[in-house]
Structure formats: structure tokens, C-alpha cells
Amino acid sequence: MNKVIKFIKSSRIELDKVIFPTKIQIKQAFIAVVIVVAVIAAYLALVDLLMSEVVSASLEG
């Protein structure tokens, strides 16, 4: 039981050292992630479109 109490006390001390992000930081990170995902999705869609055009053109010819 002593080990459990010591673990809980140590955990509380460590938790006090944690710096949690503010709402503004979370919002900025969320916006950055959405933008990066949108750019990568658009790039992959463009590559997919080009590759499908190349493949369909080579099959027709």
C-alpha cells in the first residue's frame, strides 16, 4: 500500500510540472492541421487524376 501512495504522490508532483496548451494554441494547431491535410488531399487528388488520364489514354491508344 505504501508503494501505491508514493506512486500517487509522485504522479501529482509530475502532473504539476505539465504545461497544458491554451485554447488559442489548440485552435492554431487545429487550423494548421486542417490546412496541411487539405493541401495534401488536393495534391493526391491531382496526382490521381493525372495518373488515371495517363492510364486511360494508354489503354485507348
PDB file of N, CA and C in Angstrom:
ATOM      1  N   MET A   1       0.826  -1.198   0.000  1.00  0.00           N
ATOM      2  CA  MET A   1       0.000   0.000   0.000  1.00  0.00           C
ATOM      3  C   MET A   1       0.867   1.258   0.000  1.00  0.00           C
ATOM      4  N   ASN A   2       2.025   1.157   0.617  1.00  0.00           N
ATOM      5  CA  ASN A   2       2.951   2.288   0.659  1.00  0.00           C
ATOM      6  C   ASN A   2       3.409   2.686  -0.734  1.00  0.00           C
ATOM      7  N   LYS A   3       3.629   1.684  -1.570  1.00  0.00           N
ATOM      8  CA  LYS A   3       4.091   1.962  -2.938  1.00  0.00           C
ATOM      9  C   LYS A   3       3.031   2.707  -3.737  1.00  0.00           C
ATOM     10  N   VAL A   4       1.779   2.352  -3.520  1.00  0.00           N
ATOM     11  CA  VAL A   4       0.680   2.992  -4.237  1.00  0.00           C
ATOM     12  C   VAL A   4       0.581   4.463  -3.834  1.00  0.00           C
ATOM     13  N   ILE A   5       0.660   4.734  -2.564  1.00  0.00           N
ATOM     14  CA  ILE A   5       0.591   6.115  -2.082  1.00  0.00           C
ATOM     15  C   ILE A   5       1.772   6.919  -2.610  1.00  0.00           C
ATOM     16  N   LYS A   6       2.946   6.318  -2.580  1.00  0.00           N
ATOM     17  CA  LYS A   6       4.143   7.003  -3.095  1.00  0.00           C
ATOM     18  C   LYS A   6       3.998   7.279  -4.595  1.00  0.00           C
ATOM     19  N   PHE A   7       3.439   6.311  -5.333  1.00  0.00           N
ATOM     20  CA  PHE A   7       3.230   6.497  -6.764  1.00  0.00           C
ATOM     21  C   PHE A   7       2.259   7.644  -7.036  1.00  0.00           C
ATOM     22  N   ILE A   8       1.175   7.703  -6.278  1.00  0.00           N
ATOM     23  CA  ILE A   8       0.177   8.760  -6.476  1.00  0.00           C
ATOM     24  C   ILE A   8       0.777  10.126  -6.162  1.00  0.00           C
ATOM     25  N   LYS A   9       1.549  10.213  -5.088  1.00  0.00           N
ATOM     26  CA  LYS A   9       2.188  11.485  -4.746  1.00  0.00           C
ATOM     27  C   LYS A   9       3.169  11.915  -5.827  1.00  0.00           C
ATOM     28  N   SER A  10       3.955  10.976  -6.330  1.00  0.00           N
ATOM     29  CA  SER A  10       4.910  11.285  -7.401  1.00  0.00           C
ATOM     30  C   SER A  10       4.186  11.709  -8.672  1.00  0.00           C
ATOM     31  N   SER A  11       3.074  11.056  -8.951  1.00  0.00           N
ATOM     32  CA  SER A  11       2.298  11.403 -10.141  1.00  0.00           C
ATOM     33  C   SER A  11       1.746  12.815 -10.045  1.00  0.00           C
ATOM     34  N   ARG A  12       1.270  13.192  -8.874  1.00  0.00           N
ATOM     35  CA  ARG A  12       0.758  14.554  -8.681  1.00  0.00           C
ATOM     36  C   ARG A  12       1.863  15.587  -8.871  1.00  0.00           C
ATOM     37  N   ILE A  13       3.036  15.301  -8.344  1.00  0.00           N
ATOM     38  CA  ILE A  13       4.162  16.231  -8.493  1.00  0.00           C
ATOM     39  C   ILE A  13       4.515  16.399  -9.965  1.00  0.00           C
ATOM     40  N   GLU A  14       4.553  15.302 -10.690  1.00  0.00           N
ATOM     41  CA  GLU A  14       4.874  15.366 -12.117  1.00  0.00           C
ATOM     42  C   GLU A  14       3.768  16.074 -12.902  1.00  0.00           C
ATOM     43  N   LEU A  15       2.538  15.850 -12.529  1.00  0.00           N
ATOM     44  CA  LEU A  15       1.412  16.482 -13.220  1.00  0.00           C
ATOM     45  C   LEU A  15       1.422  17.993 -13.024  1.00  0.00           C
ATOM     46  N   ASP A  16       1.916  18.440 -11.890  1.00  0.00           N
ATOM     47  CA  ASP A  16       2.030  19.884 -11.659  1.00  0.00           C
ATOM     48  C   ASP A  16       3.066  20.533 -12.575  1.00  0.00           C
ATOM     49  N   LYS A  17       3.996  19.755 -13.092  1.00  0.00           N
ATOM     50  CA  LYS A  17       5.040  20.279 -13.976  1.00  0.00           C
ATOM     51  C   LYS A  17       4.570  20.410 -15.426  1.00  0.00           C
ATOM     52  N   VAL A  18       3.457  19.778 -15.751  1.00  0.00           N
ATOM     53  CA  VAL A  18       2.957  19.770 -17.121  1.00  0.00           C
ATOM     54  C   VAL A  18       2.397  21.144 -17.479  1.00  0.00           C
ATOM     55  N   ILE A  19       2.738  21.617 -18.674  1.00  0.00           N
ATOM     56  CA  ILE A  19       2.205  22.874 -19.173  1.00  0.00           C
ATOM     57  C   ILE A  19       1.183  22.535 -20.258  1.00  0.00           C
ATOM     58  N   PHE A  20      -0.067  22.783 -19.963  1.00  0.00           N
ATOM     59  CA  PHE A  20      -1.124  22.474 -20.912  1.00  0.00           C
ATOM     60  C   PHE A  20      -1.289  23.630 -21.897  1.00  0.00           C
ATOM     61  N   PRO A  21      -1.589  23.311 -23.168  1.00  0.00           N
ATOM     62  CA  PRO A  21      -1.756  24.387 -24.155  1.00  0.00           C
ATOM     63  C   PRO A  21      -3.012  25.216 -23.878  1.00  0.00           C
ATOM     64  N   THR A  22      -2.943  26.469 -24.292  1.00  0.00           N
ATOM     65  CA  THR A  22      -4.099  27.349 -24.135  1.00  0.00           C
ATOM     66  C   THR A  22      -5.107  27.076 -25.255  1.00  0.00           C
ATOM     67  N   LYS A  23      -6.294  27.657 -25.135  1.00  0.00           N
ATOM     68  CA  LYS A  23      -7.316  27.474 -26.170  1.00  0.00           C
ATOM     69  C   LYS A  23      -6.836  28.047 -27.497  1.00  0.00           C
ATOM     70  N   ILE A  24      -6.118  29.156 -27.445  1.00  0.00           N
ATOM     71  CA  ILE A  24      -5.614  29.775 -28.675  1.00  0.00           C
ATOM     72  C   ILE A  24      -4.596  28.856 -29.353  1.00  0.00           C
ATOM     73  N   GLN A  25      -3.705  28.254 -28.571  1.00  0.00           N
ATOM     74  CA  GLN A  25      -2.709  27.347 -29.146  1.00  0.00           C
ATOM     75  C   GLN A  25      -3.376  26.118 -29.762  1.00  0.00           C
ATOM     76  N   ILE A  26      -4.395  25.606 -29.097  1.00  0.00           N
ATOM     77  CA  ILE A  26      -5.115  24.446 -29.633  1.00  0.00           C
ATOM     78  C   ILE A  26      -5.807  24.817 -30.937  1.00  0.00           C
ATOM     79  N   LYS A  27      -6.427  25.992 -30.976  1.00  0.00           N
ATOM     80  CA  LYS A  27      -7.115  26.443 -32.183  1.00  0.00           C
ATOM     81  C   LYS A  27      -6.139  26.625 -33.333  1.00  0.00           C
ATOM     82  N   GLN A  28      -4.978  27.222 -33.057  1.00  0.00           N
ATOM     83  CA  GLN A  28      -3.971  27.427 -34.098  1.00  0.00           C
ATOM     84  C   GLN A  28      -3.443  26.093 -34.629  1.00  0.00           C
ATOM     85  N   ALA A  29      -3.207  25.150 -33.735  1.00  0.00           N
ATOM     86  CA  ALA A  29      -2.725  23.837 -34.160  1.00  0.00           C
ATOM     87  C   ALA A  29      -3.780  23.116 -34.999  1.00  0.00           C
ATOM     88  N   PHE A  30      -5.032  23.221 -34.604  1.00  0.00           N
ATOM     89  CA  PHE A  30      -6.125  22.597 -35.351  1.00  0.00           C
ATOM     90  C   PHE A  30      -6.215  23.171 -36.759  1.00  0.00           C
ATOM     91  N   ILE A  31      -6.143  24.489 -36.871  1.00  0.00           N
ATOM     92  CA  ILE A  31      -6.215  25.136 -38.182  1.00  0.00           C
ATOM     93  C   ILE A  31      -5.034  24.720 -39.050  1.00  0.00           C
ATOM     94  N   ALA A  32      -3.848  24.645 -38.453  1.00  0.00           N
ATOM     95  CA  ALA A  32      -2.664  24.230 -39.208  1.00  0.00           C
ATOM     96  C   ALA A  32      -2.820  22.803 -39.724  1.00  0.00           C
ATOM     97  N   VAL A  33      -3.331  21.926 -38.901  1.00  0.00           N
ATOM     98  CA  VAL A  33      -3.528  20.532 -39.312  1.00  0.00           C
ATOM     99  C   VAL A  33      -4.553  20.436 -40.435  1.00  0.00           C
ATOM    100  N   VAL A  34      -5.651  21.174 -40.328  1.00  0.00           N
ATOM    101  CA  VAL A  34      -6.694  21.143 -41.362  1.00  0.00           C
ATOM    102  C   VAL A  34      -6.131  21.650 -42.689  1.00  0.00           C
ATOM    103  N   ILE A  35      -5.340  22.710 -42.646  1.00  0.00           N
ATOM    104  CA  ILE A  35      -4.759  23.256 -43.878  1.00  0.00           C
ATOM    105  C   ILE A  35      -3.790  22.265 -44.509  1.00  0.00           C
ATOM    106  N   VAL A  36      -2.929  21.671 -43.703  1.00  0.00           N
ATOM    107  CA  VAL A  36      -1.959  20.706 -44.239  1.00  0.00           C
ATOM    108  C   VAL A  36      -2.677  19.500 -44.839  1.00  0.00           C
ATOM    109  N   VAL A  37      -3.688  18.996 -44.159  1.00  0.00           N
ATOM    110  CA  VAL A  37      -4.439  17.847 -44.673  1.00  0.00           C
ATOM    111  C   VAL A  37      -5.145  18.207 -45.976  1.00  0.00           C
ATOM    112  N   ALA A  38      -5.714  19.397 -46.063  1.00  0.00           N
ATOM    113  CA  ALA A  38      -6.400  19.825 -47.281  1.00  0.00           C
ATOM    114  C   ALA A  38      -5.419  19.950 -48.450  1.00  0.00           C
ATOM    115  N   VAL A  39      -4.238  20.506 -48.195  1.00  0.00           N
ATOM    116  CA  VAL A  39      -3.235  20.654 -49.259  1.00  0.00           C
ATOM    117  C   VAL A  39      -2.768  19.280 -49.740  1.00  0.00           C
ATOM    118  N   ILE A  40      -2.497  18.385 -48.816  1.00  0.00           N
ATOM    119  CA  ILE A  40      -2.047  17.041 -49.211  1.00  0.00           C
ATOM    120  C   ILE A  40      -3.155  16.301 -49.957  1.00  0.00           C
ATOM    121  N   ALA A  41      -4.399  16.436 -49.514  1.00  0.00           N
ATOM    122  CA  ALA A  41      -5.522  15.784 -50.198  1.00  0.00           C
ATOM    123  C   ALA A  41      -5.681  16.322 -51.611  1.00  0.00           C
ATOM    124  N   ALA A  42      -5.546  17.639 -51.780  1.00  0.00           N
ATOM    125  CA  ALA A  42      -5.651  18.231 -53.120  1.00  0.00           C
ATOM    126  C   ALA A  42      -4.516  17.742 -54.009  1.00  0.00           C
ATOM    127  N   TYR A  43      -3.311  17.664 -53.468  1.00  0.00           N
ATOM    128  CA  TYR A  43      -2.164  17.180 -54.239  1.00  0.00           C
ATOM    129  C   TYR A  43      -2.382  15.727 -54.675  1.00  0.00           C
ATOM    130  N   LEU A  44      -2.821  14.882 -53.745  1.00  0.00           N
ATOM    131  CA  LEU A  44      -3.053  13.475 -54.089  1.00  0.00           C
ATOM    132  C   LEU A  44      -4.191  13.318 -55.090  1.00  0.00           C
ATOM    133  N   ALA A  45      -5.216  14.142 -54.976  1.00  0.00           N
ATOM    134  CA  ALA A  45      -6.315  14.096 -55.935  1.00  0.00           C
ATOM    135  C   ALA A  45      -5.823  14.477 -57.328  1.00  0.00           C
ATOM    136  N   LEU A  46      -4.964  15.490 -57.403  1.00  0.00           N
ATOM    137  CA  LEU A  46      -4.411  15.909 -58.684  1.00  0.00           C
ATOM    138  C   LEU A  46      -3.528  14.821 -59.292  1.00  0.00           C
ATOM    139  N   VAL A  47      -2.694  14.217 -58.473  1.00  0.00           N
ATOM    140  CA  VAL A  47      -1.839  13.122 -58.964  1.00  0.00           C
ATOM    141  C   VAL A  47      -2.702  11.958 -59.435  1.00  0.00           C
ATOM    142  N   ASP A  48      -3.734  11.629 -58.683  1.00  0.00           N
ATOM    143  CA  ASP A  48      -4.629  10.538 -59.067  1.00  0.00           C
ATOM    144  C   ASP A  48      -5.320  10.840 -60.391  1.00  0.00           C
ATOM    145  N   LEU A  49      -5.775  12.069 -60.559  1.00  0.00           N
ATOM    146  CA  LEU A  49      -6.433  12.469 -61.800  1.00  0.00           C
ATOM    147  C   LEU A  49      -5.468  12.349 -62.986  1.00  0.00           C
ATOM    148  N   LEU A  50      -4.259  12.857 -62.796  1.00  0.00           N
ATOM    149  CA  LEU A  50      -3.272  12.785 -63.884  1.00  0.00           C
ATOM    150  C   LEU A  50      -2.906  11.345 -64.224  1.00  0.00           C
ATOM    151  N   MET A  51      -2.715  10.536 -63.208  1.00  0.00           N
ATOM    152  CA  MET A  51      -2.345   9.134 -63.459  1.00  0.00           C
ATOM    153  C   MET A  51      -3.482   8.387 -64.146  1.00  0.00           C
ATOM    154  N   SER A  52      -4.719   8.646 -63.743  1.00  0.00           N
ATOM    155  CA  SER A  52      -5.844   7.957 -64.387  1.00  0.00           C
ATOM    156  C   SER A  52      -5.987   8.399 -65.841  1.00  0.00           C
ATOM    157  N   GLU A  53      -5.703   9.671 -66.120  1.00  0.00           N
ATOM    158  CA  GLU A  53      -5.735  10.149 -67.511  1.00  0.00           C
ATOM    159  C   GLU A  53      -4.655   9.470 -68.339  1.00  0.00           C
ATOM    160  N   VAL A  54      -3.470   9.331 -67.776  1.00  0.00           N
ATOM    161  CA  VAL A  54      -2.367   8.681 -68.495  1.00  0.00           C
ATOM    162  C   VAL A  54      -2.693   7.219 -68.753  1.00  0.00           C
ATOM    163  N   VAL A  55      -3.222   6.539 -67.769  1.00  0.00           N
ATOM    164  CA  VAL A  55      -3.536   5.114 -67.927  1.00  0.00           C
ATOM    165  C   VAL A  55      -4.672   4.937 -68.922  1.00  0.00           C
ATOM    166  N   SER A  56      -5.710   5.735 -68.838  1.00  0.00           N
ATOM    167  CA  SER A  56      -6.829   5.582 -69.763  1.00  0.00           C
ATOM    168  C   SER A  56      -6.424   5.982 -71.189  1.00  0.00           C
ATOM    169  N   ALA A  57      -5.522   6.939 -71.344  1.00  0.00           N
ATOM    170  CA  ALA A  57      -5.050   7.308 -72.672  1.00  0.00           C
ATOM    171  C   ALA A  57      -4.198   6.200 -73.281  1.00  0.00           C
ATOM    172  N   SER A  58      -3.410   5.515 -72.442  1.00  0.00           N
ATOM    173  CA  SER A  58      -2.560   4.448 -72.968  1.00  0.00           C
ATOM    174  C   SER A  58      -3.386   3.207 -73.298  1.00  0.00           C
ATOM    175  N   LEU A  59      -4.491   2.990 -72.609  1.00  0.00           N
ATOM    176  CA  LEU A  59      -5.346   1.850 -72.914  1.00  0.00           C
ATOM    177  C   LEU A  59      -6.154   2.083 -74.188  1.00  0.00           C
ATOM    178  N   GLU A  60      -6.504   3.317 -74.487  1.00  0.00           N
ATOM    179  CA  GLU A  60      -7.295   3.622 -75.667  1.00  0.00           C
ATOM    180  C   GLU A  60      -6.448   3.580 -76.943  1.00  0.00           C
ATOM    181  N   GLY A  61      -5.181   3.939 -76.801  1.00  0.00           N
ATOM    182  CA  GLY A  61      -4.320   4.072 -77.967  1.00  0.00           C
ATOM    183  C   GLY A  61      -3.744   2.839 -78.495  1.00  0.00           C
TER     184      GLY A  61
END
